[in-house]
Amino acid sequence: MDGALSRTENTEVNSWIKFGMRLGVSAALHPFEYSKTLIQLGYEPIAAIPSTSWTGKPILKLPNIFQYTGHIKRIDGFYGCYRGLAPKLVGSVVAMVVSERVVEKLGLNSLEESKDDTDMSEEDEYAQFKLHLKRDIVVTVSGIVASHPFHVISVRMMAQFIGRETLYRSIAGSISEIWKTEGIGGFFAGLVPKLLADVACLVLSSSTIYILNKYLIKDKLTRQYNAAMIQFGYSSVLYPLLVVSTCSAVSGSRLMAGQPPIMPAYANWVDCWNDLQARKELKRGGSLLWRSQIKRSPSISTGFVPLPTIARYQ
């Protein structure tokens, strides 16, 4: 009894240590996430320069993620690159705690450790797959829903760079601002596309990995690489939903980045999707190292004017 309790405590401690390490990595990489968020919003403060594609075709080249981050640092300094980090970390902790409590309430925290494939029948293996997938879906959905208000605050803090506002300075002040101007719905702006993207990626990747491992791939090392590649593939396919989520999180706020003429007034996230699709901008930020300006039809205007300044990178 004492041994089982000790193992449970050790497992819980190890999970929190791993979670703390993930928070540290997330904090360290936040300046790049900040830049990616602004790119998803369509903000391009650095003028594109003439260049050529891999095939030798003339294009207008946009700055990569490192040059974009460097621009933010030149404007706001080193600490300015970490705008929006506090609510992001708080949201991660809230997601972790809430998802654990929900899993515990539903009795999904006592799943047995995976046995060796040779010791399991096909029925047992499939039953275990369904149980783990069910638990992962519950963890993902509960975590996203619980932490989304902090995600909205984080995105809006970063979006202030565009219009140079100070409406979202602290978590408490941001909560007050959203509550007064948009009500409870404002805290969940952009929730649906984010849920769709994450849950669809989880279900599709888990199902594909299970089928391939069951019928085609037997080597353990190959399975690990295969899982990573499959998850990356589905994430890329579903990436447009994350762009829509980011835009929806800002749309309707008092920020300049969320109002016409910079951003159209969207009725809902589907309206946002249709608009970005018409402008061929659903993949904003999908490529961070090699970026080029999209050629648009003269009849289609982005409505986005660069703020606060235009700078040309070297």
Protein backbone atom coordinates (compact mmCIF):
# COMPACT_ATOMS: atom_id res chain seq x y z
CA MET A 1 0.00 0.00 0.00
CA ASP A 2 2.76 2.42 1.00
CA GLY A 3 4.73 1.48 -2.11
CA ALA A 4 1.79 2.19 -4.40
CA LEU A 5 1.17 5.52 -2.68
CA SER A 6 4.84 6.43 -3.02
CA ARG A 7 4.81 5.61 -6.73
CA THR A 8 1.71 7.78 -7.20
CA GLU A 9 3.34 10.70 -5.41
CA ASN A 10 6.52 10.32 -7.44
CA THR A 11 4.53 10.27 -10.66
CA GLU A 12 2.69 13.44 -9.66
CA VAL A 13 5.93 15.19 -8.72
CA ASN A 14 7.56 14.17 -12.00
CA SER A 15 4.57 15.44 -13.98
CA TRP A 16 4.81 18.84 -12.29
CA ILE A 17 8.57 18.97 -12.90
CA LYS A 18 8.01 18.27 -16.60
CA PHE A 19 5.25 20.88 -16.64
CA GLY A 20 7.59 23.43 -15.05
CA MET A 21 10.20 22.71 -17.70
CA ARG A 22 7.62 23.22 -20.45
CA LEU A 23 6.68 26.56 -18.90
CA GLY A 24 10.34 27.57 -18.90
CA VAL A 25 10.75 26.69 -22.56
CA SER A 26 7.50 28.48 -23.40
CA ALA A 27 8.71 31.62 -21.60
CA ALA A 28 12.07 31.52 -23.36
CA LEU A 29 10.46 31.22 -26.79
CA HIS A 30 7.72 33.78 -26.12
CA PRO A 31 9.31 36.57 -28.23
CA PHE A 32 8.96 34.34 -31.31
CA GLU A 33 5.38 33.46 -30.36
CA TYR A 34 4.74 37.19 -29.98
CA SER A 35 6.01 37.81 -33.50
CA LYS A 36 3.98 34.92 -34.87
CA THR A 37 0.82 36.31 -33.27
CA LEU A 38 1.31 39.69 -34.94
CA ILE A 39 1.94 37.95 -38.26
CA GLN A 40 -1.27 35.95 -37.82
CA LEU A 41 -3.08 39.25 -37.30
CA GLY A 42 -1.70 40.40 -40.66
CA TYR A 43 0.60 43.06 -39.24
CA GLU A 44 3.67 43.65 -41.41
CA PRO A 45 5.62 46.65 -40.09
CA ILE A 46 8.72 45.94 -42.19
CA ALA A 47 8.53 46.60 -45.90
CA ALA A 48 9.08 43.64 -48.19
CA ILE A 49 12.16 43.67 -50.44
CA PRO A 50 12.59 42.32 -53.99
CA SER A 51 13.97 38.81 -54.09
CA THR A 52 13.63 35.54 -55.99
CA SER A 53 11.94 32.27 -55.12
CA TRP A 54 13.56 28.83 -55.15
CA THR A 55 12.57 28.56 -58.80
CA GLY A 56 14.06 31.95 -59.69
CA LYS A 57 10.71 33.73 -59.90
CA PRO A 58 10.72 37.39 -58.73
CA ILE A 59 8.94 37.84 -55.40
CA LEU A 60 8.65 40.33 -52.55
CA LYS A 61 10.38 38.83 -49.53
CA LEU A 62 9.13 39.53 -46.00
CA PRO A 63 11.35 39.39 -42.89
CA ASN A 64 11.74 36.05 -41.15
CA ILE A 65 10.76 35.46 -37.54
CA PHE A 66 14.16 36.53 -36.17
CA GLN A 67 14.15 39.84 -38.07
CA TYR A 68 10.53 40.44 -37.02
CA THR A 69 11.40 39.82 -33.36
CA GLY A 70 14.39 42.13 -33.71
CA HIS A 71 12.04 44.88 -34.90
CA ILE A 72 9.86 44.47 -31.80
CA LYS A 73 12.97 44.66 -29.61
CA ARG A 74 14.12 47.88 -31.32
CA ILE A 75 10.72 49.48 -30.68
CA ASP A 76 9.93 48.24 -27.14
CA GLY A 77 13.25 46.96 -25.82
CA PHE A 78 14.14 43.54 -24.44
CA TYR A 79 11.35 43.35 -21.87
CA GLY A 80 8.85 44.52 -24.46
CA CYS A 81 9.42 41.22 -26.28
CA TYR A 82 7.69 39.47 -23.36
CA ARG A 83 4.42 41.37 -23.57
CA GLY A 84 1.54 38.94 -22.93
CA LEU A 85 3.71 36.32 -21.21
CA ALA A 86 2.12 36.58 -17.73
CA PRO A 87 -1.46 35.66 -18.77
CA LYS A 88 -0.05 32.96 -21.04
CA LEU A 89 1.74 31.28 -18.12
CA VAL A 90 -1.25 31.71 -15.81
CA GLY A 91 -3.46 30.13 -18.47
CA SER A 92 -1.10 27.15 -18.74
CA VAL A 93 -1.25 26.56 -14.99
CA VAL A 94 -5.06 26.91 -14.97
CA ALA A 95 -5.34 24.44 -17.87
CA MET A 96 -3.11 21.94 -16.07
CA VAL A 97 -4.99 22.15 -12.75
CA VAL A 98 -8.50 22.16 -14.21
CA SER A 99 -7.86 19.30 -16.65
CA GLU A 100 -6.40 17.16 -13.84
CA ARG A 101 -9.44 17.82 -11.64
CA VAL A 102 -11.87 17.01 -14.45
CA VAL A 103 -10.03 13.79 -15.29
CA GLU A 104 -10.05 12.82 -11.63
CA LYS A 105 -13.79 13.51 -11.30
CA LEU A 106 -14.52 11.38 -14.37
CA GLY A 107 -12.36 8.54 -13.09
CA LEU A 108 -9.98 8.68 -16.03
CA ASN A 109 -6.79 9.15 -14.02
CA SER A 110 -6.40 5.50 -13.13
CA LEU A 111 -5.65 4.15 -16.61
CA GLU A 112 -3.22 1.27 -16.48
CA GLU A 113 0.24 1.64 -17.89
CA SER A 114 0.63 0.25 -21.39
CA LYS A 115 1.68 -3.33 -21.49
CA ASP A 116 4.00 -4.84 -24.04
CA ASP A 117 2.23 -5.43 -27.35
CA THR A 118 2.98 -9.16 -27.17
CA ASP A 119 1.06 -9.45 -23.89
CA MET A 120 -2.13 -7.79 -25.19
CA SER A 121 -4.92 -9.12 -27.35
CA GLU A 122 -6.31 -7.01 -30.19
CA GLU A 123 -9.44 -6.30 -28.17
CA ASP A 124 -7.44 -5.13 -25.14
CA GLU A 125 -5.18 -3.01 -27.30
CA TYR A 126 -8.14 -1.30 -28.99
CA ALA A 127 -9.92 -0.80 -25.67
CA GLN A 128 -6.81 0.81 -24.21
CA PHE A 129 -6.47 3.08 -27.26
CA LYS A 130 -10.07 4.29 -26.83
CA LEU A 131 -9.58 4.93 -23.11
CA HIS A 132 -6.41 6.94 -23.65
CA LEU A 133 -7.96 8.90 -26.51
CA LYS A 134 -11.01 9.68 -24.36
CA ARG A 135 -8.77 10.90 -21.56
CA ASP A 136 -6.68 13.03 -23.95
CA ILE A 137 -9.81 14.62 -25.42
CA VAL A 138 -11.14 15.46 -21.95
CA VAL A 139 -7.77 16.94 -20.95
CA THR A 140 -7.54 19.00 -24.15
CA VAL A 141 -11.10 20.36 -24.11
CA SER A 142 -11.21 21.18 -20.39
CA GLY A 143 -7.77 22.77 -20.49
CA ILE A 144 -8.54 24.96 -23.50
CA VAL A 145 -11.92 26.11 -22.20
CA ALA A 146 -10.58 26.92 -18.73
CA SER A 147 -7.51 28.79 -19.97
CA HIS A 148 -9.02 30.56 -22.99
CA PRO A 149 -9.84 33.83 -21.17
CA PHE A 150 -6.14 34.17 -20.37
CA HIS A 151 -5.27 33.31 -23.97
CA VAL A 152 -7.53 36.14 -25.17
CA ILE A 153 -5.87 38.56 -22.73
CA SER A 154 -2.40 37.45 -23.86
CA VAL A 155 -3.22 37.88 -27.56
CA ARG A 156 -4.72 41.32 -26.98
CA MET A 157 -1.72 42.44 -24.92
CA MET A 158 0.48 41.52 -27.87
CA ALA A 159 -1.91 43.10 -30.40
CA GLN A 160 -1.48 46.46 -28.61
CA PHE A 161 1.89 46.74 -30.32
CA ILE A 162 0.04 47.57 -33.54
CA GLY A 163 -1.89 50.60 -32.28
CA ARG A 164 0.39 51.43 -29.32
CA GLU A 165 -2.52 51.26 -26.85
CA THR A 166 -2.32 50.52 -23.13
CA LEU A 167 -5.79 49.09 -22.52
CA TYR A 168 -4.40 45.68 -21.51
CA ARG A 169 -1.60 46.38 -19.05
CA SER A 170 -2.32 43.79 -16.35
CA ILE A 171 -4.40 40.65 -16.00
CA ALA A 172 -6.85 42.31 -13.58
CA GLY A 173 -7.17 45.41 -15.74
CA SER A 174 -7.66 43.27 -18.84
CA ILE A 175 -10.44 41.29 -17.17
CA SER A 176 -12.18 44.54 -16.26
CA GLU A 177 -11.79 45.92 -19.81
CA ILE A 178 -13.25 42.82 -21.47
CA TRP A 179 -16.09 42.52 -18.97
CA LYS A 180 -17.14 46.17 -19.36
CA THR A 181 -16.95 46.31 -23.16
CA GLU A 182 -17.91 42.79 -24.30
CA GLY A 183 -19.28 40.87 -21.36
CA ILE A 184 -18.67 37.19 -20.69
CA GLY A 185 -18.56 36.40 -24.42
CA GLY A 186 -15.41 38.45 -24.85
CA PHE A 187 -13.42 36.01 -22.72
CA PHE A 188 -14.19 33.21 -25.16
CA ALA A 189 -13.64 35.03 -28.45
CA GLY A 190 -12.01 32.63 -30.90
CA LEU A 191 -12.65 29.57 -28.72
CA VAL A 192 -14.49 27.42 -31.29
CA PRO A 193 -11.82 27.38 -34.04
CA LYS A 194 -9.12 26.73 -31.45
CA LEU A 195 -11.08 23.80 -30.01
CA LEU A 196 -11.73 22.42 -33.48
CA ALA A 197 -8.07 22.64 -34.44
CA ASP A 198 -6.68 21.02 -31.28
CA VAL A 199 -9.30 18.29 -30.89
CA ALA A 200 -9.27 17.40 -34.60
CA CYS A 201 -5.47 17.23 -34.57
CA LEU A 202 -5.54 14.99 -31.49
CA VAL A 203 -8.17 12.58 -32.86
CA LEU A 204 -6.75 12.38 -36.37
CA SER A 205 -3.12 11.98 -35.31
CA SER A 206 -3.89 9.46 -32.55
CA SER A 207 -6.08 7.36 -34.85
CA THR A 208 -3.57 7.42 -37.69
CA ILE A 209 -0.67 6.53 -35.39
CA TYR A 210 -2.66 3.66 -33.87
CA ILE A 211 -3.54 2.20 -37.28
CA LEU A 212 0.00 2.50 -38.66
CA ASN A 213 1.60 1.06 -35.53
CA LYS A 214 -0.87 -1.82 -35.49
CA TYR A 215 -0.61 -2.90 -39.10
CA LEU A 216 2.60 -1.45 -40.59
CA ILE A 217 5.23 -0.16 -38.16
CA LYS A 218 6.72 -2.45 -35.51
CA ASP A 219 10.06 -0.81 -34.72
CA LYS A 220 9.81 1.40 -31.60
CA LEU A 221 12.24 4.07 -32.82
CA THR A 222 10.45 4.35 -36.17
CA ARG A 223 7.15 4.68 -34.31
CA GLN A 224 8.46 7.71 -32.42
CA TYR A 225 9.58 9.52 -35.58
CA ASN A 226 6.37 8.50 -37.33
CA ALA A 227 4.24 9.96 -34.53
CA ALA A 228 6.07 13.29 -34.64
CA MET A 229 5.73 13.55 -38.42
CA ILE A 230 2.03 12.70 -38.37
CA GLN A 231 1.29 15.26 -35.66
CA PHE A 232 3.23 17.91 -37.58
CA GLY A 233 1.34 17.06 -40.77
CA TYR A 234 -2.11 17.37 -39.22
CA SER A 235 -1.07 20.54 -37.37
CA SER A 236 -0.10 22.11 -40.69
CA VAL A 237 -3.40 21.15 -42.30
CA LEU A 238 -5.42 22.56 -39.39
CA TYR A 239 -3.23 25.65 -38.92
CA PRO A 240 -5.73 28.02 -40.65
CA LEU A 241 -8.14 27.47 -37.75
CA LEU A 242 -5.52 28.86 -35.36
CA VAL A 243 -5.10 31.96 -37.53
CA VAL A 244 -8.88 32.45 -37.43
CA SER A 245 -8.86 31.95 -33.66
CA THR A 246 -6.18 34.62 -33.18
CA CYS A 247 -8.01 37.13 -35.38
CA SER A 248 -11.32 36.37 -33.67
CA ALA A 249 -9.73 36.88 -30.24
CA VAL A 250 -8.94 40.48 -31.18
CA SER A 251 -11.93 41.28 -33.40
CA GLY A 252 -14.57 43.38 -31.67
CA SER A 253 -12.22 44.76 -29.02
CA ARG A 254 -11.41 48.44 -28.61
CA LEU A 255 -7.92 47.84 -29.97
CA MET A 256 -7.03 49.43 -33.28
CA ALA A 257 -5.89 46.01 -34.49
CA GLY A 258 -9.42 44.64 -34.06
CA GLN A 259 -11.38 47.41 -35.78
CA PRO A 260 -11.87 48.67 -39.34
CA PRO A 261 -10.01 49.60 -41.44
CA ILE A 262 -7.28 47.40 -39.99
CA MET A 263 -9.55 44.42 -39.37
CA PRO A 264 -13.06 44.00 -40.79
CA ALA A 265 -15.96 43.70 -38.34
CA TYR A 266 -16.55 39.95 -38.22
CA ALA A 267 -19.95 38.58 -37.18
CA ASN A 268 -18.40 35.29 -36.07
CA TRP A 269 -15.42 33.04 -36.68
CA VAL A 270 -16.95 31.61 -39.89
CA ASP A 271 -17.17 35.15 -41.27
CA CYS A 272 -13.52 35.61 -40.35
CA TRP A 273 -12.60 32.35 -42.12
CA ASN A 274 -14.45 33.36 -45.29
CA ASP A 275 -12.76 36.77 -45.37
CA LEU A 276 -9.25 35.39 -44.87
CA GLN A 277 -9.90 32.63 -47.40
CA ALA A 278 -11.02 35.19 -49.99
CA ARG A 279 -7.77 37.09 -49.41
CA LYS A 280 -5.69 33.89 -49.36
CA GLU A 281 -4.35 34.68 -45.89
CA LEU A 282 -5.39 31.59 -43.92
CA LYS A 283 -1.74 30.52 -43.72
CA ARG A 284 -0.39 33.69 -42.12
CA GLY A 285 2.62 32.75 -40.01
CA GLY A 286 2.66 29.17 -41.30
CA SER A 287 6.18 29.69 -42.60
CA LEU A 288 8.44 31.61 -40.24
CA LEU A 289 11.83 31.42 -41.94
CA TRP A 290 10.93 31.99 -45.59
CA ARG A 291 8.10 34.46 -46.06
CA SER A 292 6.92 36.25 -49.18
CA GLN A 293 4.19 38.77 -49.82
CA ILE A 294 0.98 37.42 -51.32
CA LYS A 295 -0.01 38.88 -54.66
CA ARG A 296 -3.63 40.00 -54.41
CA SER A 297 -6.24 40.81 -56.98
CA PRO A 298 -6.79 44.58 -57.37
CA SER A 299 -10.41 44.02 -56.32
CA ILE A 300 -9.36 42.53 -52.99
CA SER A 301 -7.93 44.83 -50.35
CA THR A 302 -6.55 43.75 -47.01
CA GLY A 303 -7.65 46.93 -45.31
CA PHE A 304 -4.57 46.60 -43.11
CA VAL A 305 -2.32 49.60 -42.82
CA PRO A 306 1.07 49.12 -41.12
CA LEU A 307 1.38 50.78 -37.73
CA PRO A 308 3.13 52.51 -36.12
CA THR A 309 6.03 52.78 -38.57
CA ILE A 310 7.41 51.19 -41.69
CA ALA A 311 10.96 49.92 -41.44
CA ARG A 312 13.10 48.22 -44.03
CA TYR A 313 15.24 45.39 -42.75
CA GLN A 314 18.77 44.82 -43.89
